[in-house]
Amino acid sequence: MARDPVEARTWYVSGRVQGVGFRWFVQASATRLGLRGWVRNEDDGRVQVYGVGTREQLDGLAALLYRGPSRAEVRGVEQREAAVQQLSSFSVR
């Protein structure tokens, strides 16, 4: 049985997404979905997320990014295709 192809995406999430546990929410969600990648705060107040996995896994994370943890207020999510990096886990940077 063939494995689904691996893809990568980068998201930029804006709103009240820093200081509300957003990065930890993303890490837990991505790990649960089986994704590899990272999440970090940006100087402009956004959170950047990079994920590697199947299209289904990435779509699952994308849906969660629009919601975020309970204290977050997501106002926008910008998604871009990205080059696949070889990573072994999902980390907070």
PDB file of N, CA and C in Angstrom:
ATOM      1  N   MET A   1       0.840  -1.179   0.000  1.00  0.00           N
ATOM      2  CA  MET A   1       0.000   0.000   0.000  1.00  0.00           C
ATOM      3  C   MET A   1       0.888   1.246   0.000  1.00  0.00           C
ATOM      4  N   ALA A   2       0.669   2.137  -0.933  1.00  0.00           N
ATOM      5  CA  ALA A   2       1.493   3.343  -1.066  1.00  0.00           C
ATOM      6  C   ALA A   2       1.161   4.341   0.044  1.00  0.00           C
ATOM      7  N   ARG A   3       2.181   5.037   0.500  1.00  0.00           N
ATOM      8  CA  ARG A   3       1.976   6.087   1.507  1.00  0.00           C
ATOM      9  C   ARG A   3       1.541   7.367   0.816  1.00  0.00           C
ATOM     10  N   ASP A   4       0.737   8.166   1.513  1.00  0.00           N
ATOM     11  CA  ASP A   4       0.313   9.458   0.971  1.00  0.00           C
ATOM     12  C   ASP A   4       1.535  10.351   0.833  1.00  0.00           C
ATOM     13  N   PRO A   5       1.569  11.178  -0.213  1.00  0.00           N
ATOM     14  CA  PRO A   5       2.717  12.076  -0.393  1.00  0.00           C
ATOM     15  C   PRO A   5       2.801  13.106   0.727  1.00  0.00           C
ATOM     16  N   VAL A   6       4.029  13.479   1.041  1.00  0.00           N
ATOM     17  CA  VAL A   6       4.286  14.456   2.096  1.00  0.00           C
ATOM     18  C   VAL A   6       4.353  15.841   1.473  1.00  0.00           C
ATOM     19  N   GLU A   7       3.716  16.803   2.140  1.00  0.00           N
ATOM     20  CA  GLU A   7       3.715  18.198   1.705  1.00  0.00           C
ATOM     21  C   GLU A   7       4.133  19.057   2.882  1.00  0.00           C
ATOM     22  N   ALA A   8       4.348  20.341   2.616  1.00  0.00           N
ATOM     23  CA  ALA A   8       4.656  21.283   3.697  1.00  0.00           C
ATOM     24  C   ALA A   8       3.902  22.581   3.464  1.00  0.00           C
ATOM     25  N   ARG A   9       3.516  23.213   4.571  1.00  0.00           N
ATOM     26  CA  ARG A   9       2.843  24.512   4.516  1.00  0.00           C
ATOM     27  C   ARG A   9       3.365  25.404   5.633  1.00  0.00           C
ATOM     28  N   THR A  10       3.283  26.687   5.370  1.00  0.00           N
ATOM     29  CA  THR A  10       3.565  27.695   6.386  1.00  0.00           C
ATOM     30  C   THR A  10       2.309  28.524   6.558  1.00  0.00           C
ATOM     31  N   TRP A  11       1.988  28.811   7.817  1.00  0.00           N
ATOM     32  CA  TRP A  11       0.851  29.671   8.132  1.00  0.00           C
ATOM     33  C   TRP A  11       1.337  30.846   8.968  1.00  0.00           C
ATOM     34  N   TYR A  12       0.696  31.988   8.789  1.00  0.00           N
ATOM     35  CA  TYR A  12       0.906  33.163   9.630  1.00  0.00           C
ATOM     36  C   TYR A  12      -0.444  33.487  10.253  1.00  0.00           C
ATOM     37  N   VAL A  13      -0.512  33.381  11.575  1.00  0.00           N
ATOM     38  CA  VAL A  13      -1.766  33.560  12.292  1.00  0.00           C
ATOM     39  C   VAL A  13      -1.725  34.906  13.004  1.00  0.00           C
ATOM     40  N   SER A  14      -2.755  35.728  12.785  1.00  0.00           N
ATOM     41  CA  SER A  14      -2.797  37.058  13.397  1.00  0.00           C
ATOM     42  C   SER A  14      -3.990  37.172  14.336  1.00  0.00           C
ATOM     43  N   GLY A  15      -3.920  38.174  15.203  1.00  0.00           N
ATOM     44  CA  GLY A  15      -4.952  38.415  16.208  1.00  0.00           C
ATOM     45  C   GLY A  15      -4.301  38.412  17.577  1.00  0.00           C
ATOM     46  N   ARG A  16      -5.070  38.042  18.588  1.00  0.00           N
ATOM     47  CA  ARG A  16      -4.499  37.893  19.928  1.00  0.00           C
ATOM     48  C   ARG A  16      -4.003  36.451  20.025  1.00  0.00           C
ATOM     49  N   VAL A  17      -2.761  36.242  19.571  1.00  0.00           N
ATOM     50  CA  VAL A  17      -2.212  34.885  19.474  1.00  0.00           C
ATOM     51  C   VAL A  17      -0.878  34.732  20.209  1.00  0.00           C
ATOM     52  N   GLN A  18      -0.390  35.804  20.826  1.00  0.00           N
ATOM     53  CA  GLN A  18       0.816  35.698  21.641  1.00  0.00           C
ATOM     54  C   GLN A  18       0.440  35.912  23.096  1.00  0.00           C
ATOM     55  N   GLY A  19       1.048  35.129  23.980  1.00  0.00           N
ATOM     56  CA  GLY A  19       0.772  35.250  25.404  1.00  0.00           C
ATOM     57  C   GLY A  19      -0.513  34.574  25.850  1.00  0.00           C
ATOM     58  N   VAL A  20      -1.078  33.723  24.993  1.00  0.00           N
ATOM     59  CA  VAL A  20      -2.340  33.046  25.326  1.00  0.00           C
ATOM     60  C   VAL A  20      -2.228  31.526  25.188  1.00  0.00           C
ATOM     61  N   GLY A  21      -1.001  30.998  25.084  1.00  0.00           N
ATOM     62  CA  GLY A  21      -0.796  29.562  24.940  1.00  0.00           C
ATOM     63  C   GLY A  21      -0.973  29.034  23.535  1.00  0.00           C
ATOM     64  N   PHE A  22      -0.930  29.935  22.542  1.00  0.00           N
ATOM     65  CA  PHE A  22      -1.185  29.518  21.170  1.00  0.00           C
ATOM     66  C   PHE A  22      -0.122  28.539  20.659  1.00  0.00           C
ATOM     67  N   ARG A  23       1.151  28.830  20.926  1.00  0.00           N
ATOM     68  CA  ARG A  23       2.213  27.939  20.433  1.00  0.00           C
ATOM     69  C   ARG A  23       2.094  26.538  21.025  1.00  0.00           C
ATOM     70  N   TRP A  24       1.752  26.460  22.302  1.00  0.00           N
ATOM     71  CA  TRP A  24       1.625  25.152  22.949  1.00  0.00           C
ATOM     72  C   TRP A  24       0.402  24.413  22.421  1.00  0.00           C
ATOM     73  N   PHE A  25      -0.664  25.137  22.130  1.00  0.00           N
ATOM     74  CA  PHE A  25      -1.856  24.561  21.507  1.00  0.00           C
ATOM     75  C   PHE A  25      -1.501  23.968  20.138  1.00  0.00           C
ATOM     76  N   VAL A  26      -0.730  24.722  19.346  1.00  0.00           N
ATOM     77  CA  VAL A  26      -0.334  24.255  18.011  1.00  0.00           C
ATOM     78  C   VAL A  26       0.556  23.024  18.127  1.00  0.00           C
ATOM     79  N   GLN A  27       1.524  23.056  19.037  1.00  0.00           N
ATOM     80  CA  GLN A  27       2.419  21.906  19.189  1.00  0.00           C
ATOM     81  C   GLN A  27       1.635  20.652  19.572  1.00  0.00           C
ATOM     82  N   ALA A  28       0.746  20.750  20.545  1.00  0.00           N
ATOM     83  CA  ALA A  28      -0.046  19.592  20.965  1.00  0.00           C
ATOM     84  C   ALA A  28      -0.940  19.098  19.833  1.00  0.00           C
ATOM     85  N   SER A  29      -1.568  20.016  19.106  1.00  0.00           N
ATOM     86  CA  SER A  29      -2.457  19.644  17.999  1.00  0.00           C
ATOM     87  C   SER A  29      -1.684  18.976  16.878  1.00  0.00           C
ATOM     88  N   ALA A  30      -0.552  19.560  16.503  1.00  0.00           N
ATOM     89  CA  ALA A  30       0.260  19.015  15.410  1.00  0.00           C
ATOM     90  C   ALA A  30       0.815  17.643  15.773  1.00  0.00           C
ATOM     91  N   THR A  31       1.259  17.498  17.009  1.00  0.00           N
ATOM     92  CA  THR A  31       1.791  16.206  17.456  1.00  0.00           C
ATOM     93  C   THR A  31       0.697  15.147  17.424  1.00  0.00           C
ATOM     94  N   ARG A  32      -0.491  15.505  17.889  1.00  0.00           N
ATOM     95  CA  ARG A  32      -1.626  14.578  17.873  1.00  0.00           C
ATOM     96  C   ARG A  32      -1.974  14.143  16.446  1.00  0.00           C
ATOM     97  N   LEU A  33      -1.817  15.070  15.494  1.00  0.00           N
ATOM     98  CA  LEU A  33      -2.112  14.771  14.091  1.00  0.00           C
ATOM     99  C   LEU A  33      -0.978  14.024  13.395  1.00  0.00           C
ATOM    100  N   GLY A  34       0.178  13.922  14.050  1.00  0.00           N
ATOM    101  CA  GLY A  34       1.316  13.217  13.455  1.00  0.00           C
ATOM    102  C   GLY A  34       2.176  14.076  12.553  1.00  0.00           C
ATOM    103  N   LEU A  35       2.087  15.393  12.696  1.00  0.00           N
ATOM    104  CA  LEU A  35       2.876  16.310  11.863  1.00  0.00           C
ATOM    105  C   LEU A  35       4.262  16.542  12.453  1.00  0.00           C
ATOM    106  N   ARG A  36       5.180  16.948  11.594  1.00  0.00           N
ATOM    107  CA  ARG A  36       6.491  17.425  12.013  1.00  0.00           C
ATOM    108  C   ARG A  36       6.557  18.897  11.647  1.00  0.00           C
ATOM    109  N   GLY A  37       7.372  19.672  12.380  1.00  0.00           N
ATOM    110  CA  GLY A  37       7.501  21.082  12.053  1.00  0.00           C
ATOM    111  C   GLY A  37       7.819  21.906  13.274  1.00  0.00           C
ATOM    112  N   TRP A  38       7.357  23.158  13.265  1.00  0.00           N
ATOM    113  CA  TRP A  38       7.639  24.073  14.370  1.00  0.00           C
ATOM    114  C   TRP A  38       6.647  25.229  14.374  1.00  0.00           C
ATOM    115  N   VAL A  39       6.638  25.943  15.504  1.00  0.00           N
ATOM    116  CA  VAL A  39       5.803  27.127  15.668  1.00  0.00           C
ATOM    117  C   VAL A  39       6.620  28.154  16.433  1.00  0.00           C
ATOM    118  N   ARG A  40       6.475  29.430  16.064  1.00  0.00           N
ATOM    119  CA  ARG A  40       7.217  30.487  16.761  1.00  0.00           C
ATOM    120  C   ARG A  40       6.454  31.801  16.696  1.00  0.00           C
ATOM    121  N   ASN A  41       6.739  32.669  17.677  1.00  0.00           N
ATOM    122  CA  ASN A  41       6.203  34.027  17.676  1.00  0.00           C
ATOM    123  C   ASN A  41       7.004  34.876  16.706  1.00  0.00           C
ATOM    124  N   GLU A  42       6.327  35.786  16.035  1.00  0.00           N
ATOM    125  CA  GLU A  42       6.979  36.747  15.151  1.00  0.00           C
ATOM    126  C   GLU A  42       7.029  38.106  15.852  1.00  0.00           C
ATOM    127  N   ASP A  43       7.989  38.932  15.475  1.00  0.00           N
ATOM    128  CA  ASP A  43       8.139  40.261  16.082  1.00  0.00           C
ATOM    129  C   ASP A  43       6.924  41.158  15.844  1.00  0.00           C
ATOM    130  N   ASP A  44       6.166  40.902  14.779  1.00  0.00           N
ATOM    131  CA  ASP A  44       5.015  41.753  14.447  1.00  0.00           C
ATOM    132  C   ASP A  44       3.728  41.328  15.163  1.00  0.00           C
ATOM    133  N   GLY A  45       3.818  40.355  16.087  1.00  0.00           N
ATOM    134  CA  GLY A  45       2.651  39.929  16.847  1.00  0.00           C
ATOM    135  C   GLY A  45       1.953  38.699  16.296  1.00  0.00           C
ATOM    136  N   ARG A  46       2.341  38.259  15.117  1.00  0.00           N
ATOM    137  CA  ARG A  46       1.751  37.047  14.550  1.00  0.00           C
ATOM    138  C   ARG A  46       2.473  35.812  15.086  1.00  0.00           C
ATOM    139  N   VAL A  47       1.895  34.651  14.817  1.00  0.00           N
ATOM    140  CA  VAL A  47       2.538  33.370  15.091  1.00  0.00           C
ATOM    141  C   VAL A  47       2.755  32.691  13.749  1.00  0.00           C
ATOM    142  N   GLN A  48       3.975  32.198  13.525  1.00  0.00           N
ATOM    143  CA  GLN A  48       4.289  31.463  12.303  1.00  0.00           C
ATOM    144  C   GLN A  48       4.300  29.975  12.622  1.00  0.00           C
ATOM    145  N   VAL A  49       3.669  29.198  11.755  1.00  0.00           N
ATOM    146  CA  VAL A  49       3.595  27.745  11.919  1.00  0.00           C
ATOM    147  C   VAL A  49       4.121  27.108  10.640  1.00  0.00           C
ATOM    148  N   TYR A  50       4.995  26.111  10.783  1.00  0.00           N
ATOM    149  CA  TYR A  50       5.493  25.342   9.639  1.00  0.00           C
ATOM    150  C   TYR A  50       5.182  23.885   9.918  1.00  0.00           C
ATOM    151  N   GLY A  51       4.505  23.233   8.987  1.00  0.00           N
ATOM    152  CA  GLY A  51       4.141  21.833   9.181  1.00  0.00           C
ATOM    153  C   GLY A  51       4.459  20.977   7.977  1.00  0.00           C
ATOM    154  N   VAL A  52       4.852  19.728   8.249  1.00  0.00           N
ATOM    155  CA  VAL A  52       5.149  18.733   7.224  1.00  0.00           C
ATOM    156  C   VAL A  52       4.308  17.502   7.515  1.00  0.00           C
ATOM    157  N   GLY A  53       3.584  17.031   6.509  1.00  0.00           N
ATOM    158  CA  GLY A  53       2.766  15.831   6.662  1.00  0.00           C
ATOM    159  C   GLY A  53       1.949  15.600   5.409  1.00  0.00           C
ATOM    160  N   THR A  54       0.938  14.768   5.523  1.00  0.00           N
ATOM    161  CA  THR A  54       0.055  14.522   4.384  1.00  0.00           C
ATOM    162  C   THR A  54      -0.922  15.690   4.246  1.00  0.00           C
ATOM    163  N   ARG A  55      -1.555  15.784   3.123  1.00  0.00           N
ATOM    164  CA  ARG A  55      -2.537  16.845   2.899  1.00  0.00           C
ATOM    165  C   ARG A  55      -3.642  16.787   3.958  1.00  0.00           C
ATOM    166  N   GLU A  56      -4.086  15.594   4.290  1.00  0.00           N
ATOM    167  CA  GLU A  56      -5.143  15.437   5.293  1.00  0.00           C
ATOM    168  C   GLU A  56      -4.676  15.948   6.665  1.00  0.00           C
ATOM    169  N   GLN A  57      -3.463  15.607   7.057  1.00  0.00           N
ATOM    170  CA  GLN A  57      -2.926  16.080   8.345  1.00  0.00           C
ATOM    171  C   GLN A  57      -2.814  17.605   8.360  1.00  0.00           C
ATOM    172  N   LEU A  58      -2.297  18.176   7.270  1.00  0.00           N
ATOM    173  CA  LEU A  58      -2.131  19.628   7.184  1.00  0.00           C
ATOM    174  C   LEU A  58      -3.475  20.342   7.185  1.00  0.00           C
ATOM    175  N   ASP A  59      -4.453  19.786   6.493  1.00  0.00           N
ATOM    176  CA  ASP A  59      -5.796  20.372   6.505  1.00  0.00           C
ATOM    177  C   ASP A  59      -6.387  20.351   7.916  1.00  0.00           C
ATOM    178  N   GLY A  60      -6.112  19.276   8.653  1.00  0.00           N
ATOM    179  CA  GLY A  60      -6.594  19.180  10.029  1.00  0.00           C
ATOM    180  C   GLY A  60      -6.005  20.266  10.918  1.00  0.00           C
ATOM    181  N   LEU A  61      -4.699  20.506  10.764  1.00  0.00           N
ATOM    182  CA  LEU A  61      -4.067  21.564  11.553  1.00  0.00           C
ATOM    183  C   LEU A  61      -4.580  22.930  11.130  1.00  0.00           C
ATOM    184  N   ALA A  62      -4.726  23.143   9.828  1.00  0.00           N
ATOM    185  CA  ALA A  62      -5.216  24.435   9.341  1.00  0.00           C
ATOM    186  C   ALA A  62      -6.565  24.777   9.973  1.00  0.00           C
ATOM    187  N   ALA A  63      -7.453  23.814  10.064  1.00  0.00           N
ATOM    188  CA  ALA A  63      -8.765  24.058  10.664  1.00  0.00           C
ATOM    189  C   ALA A  63      -8.626  24.474  12.127  1.00  0.00           C
ATOM    190  N   LEU A  64      -7.697  23.867  12.844  1.00  0.00           N
ATOM    191  CA  LEU A  64      -7.497  24.200  14.260  1.00  0.00           C
ATOM    192  C   LEU A  64      -6.866  25.578  14.439  1.00  0.00           C
ATOM    193  N   LEU A  65      -6.070  26.011  13.477  1.00  0.00           N
ATOM    194  CA  LEU A  65      -5.432  27.323  13.588  1.00  0.00           C
ATOM    195  C   LEU A  65      -6.455  28.453  13.571  1.00  0.00           C
ATOM    196  N   TYR A  66      -7.560  28.257  12.897  1.00  0.00           N
ATOM    197  CA  TYR A  66      -8.614  29.280  12.860  1.00  0.00           C
ATOM    198  C   TYR A  66      -9.317  29.411  14.206  1.00  0.00           C
ATOM    199  N   ARG A  67      -9.239  28.365  15.016  1.00  0.00           N
ATOM    200  CA  ARG A  67      -9.909  28.367  16.318  1.00  0.00           C
ATOM    201  C   ARG A  67      -8.951  28.791  17.427  1.00  0.00           C
ATOM    202  N   GLY A  68      -7.815  28.117  17.531  1.00  0.00           N
ATOM    203  CA  GLY A  68      -6.838  28.410  18.574  1.00  0.00           C
ATOM    204  C   GLY A  68      -7.332  27.998  19.945  1.00  0.00           C
ATOM    205  N   PRO A  69      -6.517  28.234  20.981  1.00  0.00           N
ATOM    206  CA  PRO A  69      -6.937  27.921  22.345  1.00  0.00           C
ATOM    207  C   PRO A  69      -7.992  28.918  22.824  1.00  0.00           C
ATOM    208  N   SER A  70      -8.607  28.640  23.956  1.00  0.00           N
ATOM    209  CA  SER A  70      -9.748  29.432  24.425  1.00  0.00           C
ATOM    210  C   SER A  70      -9.419  30.916  24.644  1.00  0.00           C
ATOM    211  N   ARG A  71      -8.206  31.259  25.057  1.00  0.00           N
ATOM    212  CA  ARG A  71      -7.864  32.658  25.330  1.00  0.00           C
ATOM    213  C   ARG A  71      -7.429  33.418  24.078  1.00  0.00           C
ATOM    214  N   ALA A  72      -7.276  32.739  22.970  1.00  0.00           N
ATOM    215  CA  ALA A  72      -6.838  33.396  21.732  1.00  0.00           C
ATOM    216  C   ALA A  72      -8.023  34.013  20.996  1.00  0.00           C
ATOM    217  N   GLU A  73      -7.706  34.989  20.171  1.00  0.00           N
ATOM    218  CA  GLU A  73      -8.693  35.573  19.264  1.00  0.00           C
ATOM    219  C   GLU A  73      -8.036  35.648  17.893  1.00  0.00           C
ATOM    220  N   VAL A  74      -8.311  34.645  17.074  1.00  0.00           N
ATOM    221  CA  VAL A  74      -7.712  34.567  15.739  1.00  0.00           C
ATOM    222  C   VAL A  74      -8.472  35.483  14.802  1.00  0.00           C
ATOM    223  N   ARG A  75      -7.756  36.401  14.167  1.00  0.00           N
ATOM    224  CA  ARG A  75      -8.385  37.342  13.233  1.00  0.00           C
ATOM    225  C   ARG A  75      -8.033  37.030  11.783  1.00  0.00           C
ATOM    226  N   GLY A  76      -6.985  36.259  11.575  1.00  0.00           N
ATOM    227  CA  GLY A  76      -6.609  35.926  10.211  1.00  0.00           C
ATOM    228  C   GLY A  76      -5.590  34.809  10.169  1.00  0.00           C
ATOM    229  N   VAL A  77      -5.665  34.001   9.109  1.00  0.00           N
ATOM    230  CA  VAL A  77      -4.695  32.932   8.878  1.00  0.00           C
ATOM    231  C   VAL A  77      -4.295  33.002   7.414  1.00  0.00           C
ATOM    232  N   GLU A  78      -3.012  33.246   7.186  1.00  0.00           N
ATOM    233  CA  GLU A  78      -2.468  33.268   5.827  1.00  0.00           C
ATOM    234  C   GLU A  78      -1.701  31.967   5.617  1.00  0.00           C
ATOM    235  N   GLN A  79      -2.024  31.250   4.554  1.00  0.00           N
ATOM    236  CA  GLN A  79      -1.406  29.951   4.292  1.00  0.00           C
ATOM    237  C   GLN A  79      -0.577  30.012   3.017  1.00  0.00           C
ATOM    238  N   ARG A  80       0.598  29.376   3.047  1.00  0.00           N
ATOM    239  CA  ARG A  80       1.471  29.286   1.874  1.00  0.00           C
ATOM    240  C   ARG A  80       2.013  27.868   1.753  1.00  0.00           C
ATOM    241  N   GLU A  81       2.180  27.422   0.521  1.00  0.00           N
ATOM    242  CA  GLU A  81       2.887  26.162   0.295  1.00  0.00           C
ATOM    243  C   GLU A  81       4.351  26.398   0.651  1.00  0.00           C
ATOM    244  N   ALA A  82       5.050  25.355   1.089  1.00  0.00           N
ATOM    245  CA  ALA A  82       6.444  25.501   1.499  1.00  0.00           C
ATOM    246  C   ALA A  82       7.243  24.285   1.042  1.00  0.00           C
ATOM    247  N   ALA A  83       8.560  24.439   1.054  1.00  0.00           N
ATOM    248  CA  ALA A  83       9.456  23.325   0.739  1.00  0.00           C
ATOM    249  C   ALA A  83       9.484  22.367   1.926  1.00  0.00           C
ATOM    250  N   VAL A  84       9.581  21.091   1.645  1.00  0.00           N
ATOM    251  CA  VAL A  84       9.607  20.070   2.697  1.00  0.00           C
ATOM    252  C   VAL A  84      10.988  20.036   3.338  1.00  0.00           C
ATOM    253  N   GLN A  85      11.010  20.215   4.646  1.00  0.00           N
ATOM    254  CA  GLN A  85      12.237  20.086   5.433  1.00  0.00           C
ATOM    255  C   GLN A  85      12.201  18.749   6.157  1.00  0.00           C
ATOM    256  N   GLN A  86      13.357  18.163   6.345  1.00  0.00           N
ATOM    257  CA  GLN A  86      13.455  16.890   7.061  1.00  0.00           C
ATOM    258  C   GLN A  86      13.540  17.166   8.556  1.00  0.00           C
ATOM    259  N   LEU A  87      12.444  16.985   9.250  1.00  0.00           N
ATOM    260  CA  LEU A  87      12.369  17.193  10.689  1.00  0.00           C
ATOM    261  C   LEU A  87      11.857  15.936  11.359  1.00  0.00           C
ATOM    262  N   SER A  88      12.211  15.747  12.622  1.00  0.00           N
ATOM    263  CA  SER A  88      11.825  14.518  13.307  1.00  0.00           C
ATOM    264  C   SER A  88      10.662  14.686  14.280  1.00  0.00           C
ATOM    265  N   SER A  89      10.288  15.937  14.593  1.00  0.00           N
ATOM    266  CA  SER A  89       9.212  16.158  15.565  1.00  0.00           C
ATOM    267  C   SER A  89       8.608  17.542  15.315  1.00  0.00           C
ATOM    268  N   PHE A  90       7.697  17.934  16.199  1.00  0.00           N
ATOM    269  CA  PHE A  90       7.104  19.272  16.125  1.00  0.00           C
ATOM    270  C   PHE A  90       7.524  20.044  17.357  1.00  0.00           C
ATOM    271  N   SER A  91       8.171  21.194  17.169  1.00  0.00           N
ATOM    272  CA  SER A  91       8.744  21.928  18.294  1.00  0.00           C
ATOM    273  C   SER A  91       8.233  23.355  18.387  1.00  0.00           C
ATOM    274  N   VAL A  92       8.381  23.919  19.576  1.00  0.00           N
ATOM    275  CA  VAL A  92       8.110  25.332  19.821  1.00  0.00           C
ATOM    276  C   VAL A  92       9.449  26.036  19.757  1.00  0.00           C
ATOM    277  N   ARG A  93       9.523  27.082  18.968  1.00  0.00           N
ATOM    278  CA  ARG A  93      10.772  27.847  18.833  1.00  0.00           C
ATOM    279  C   ARG A  93      10.658  29.175  19.510  1.00  0.00           C
TER     280      ARG A  93
END
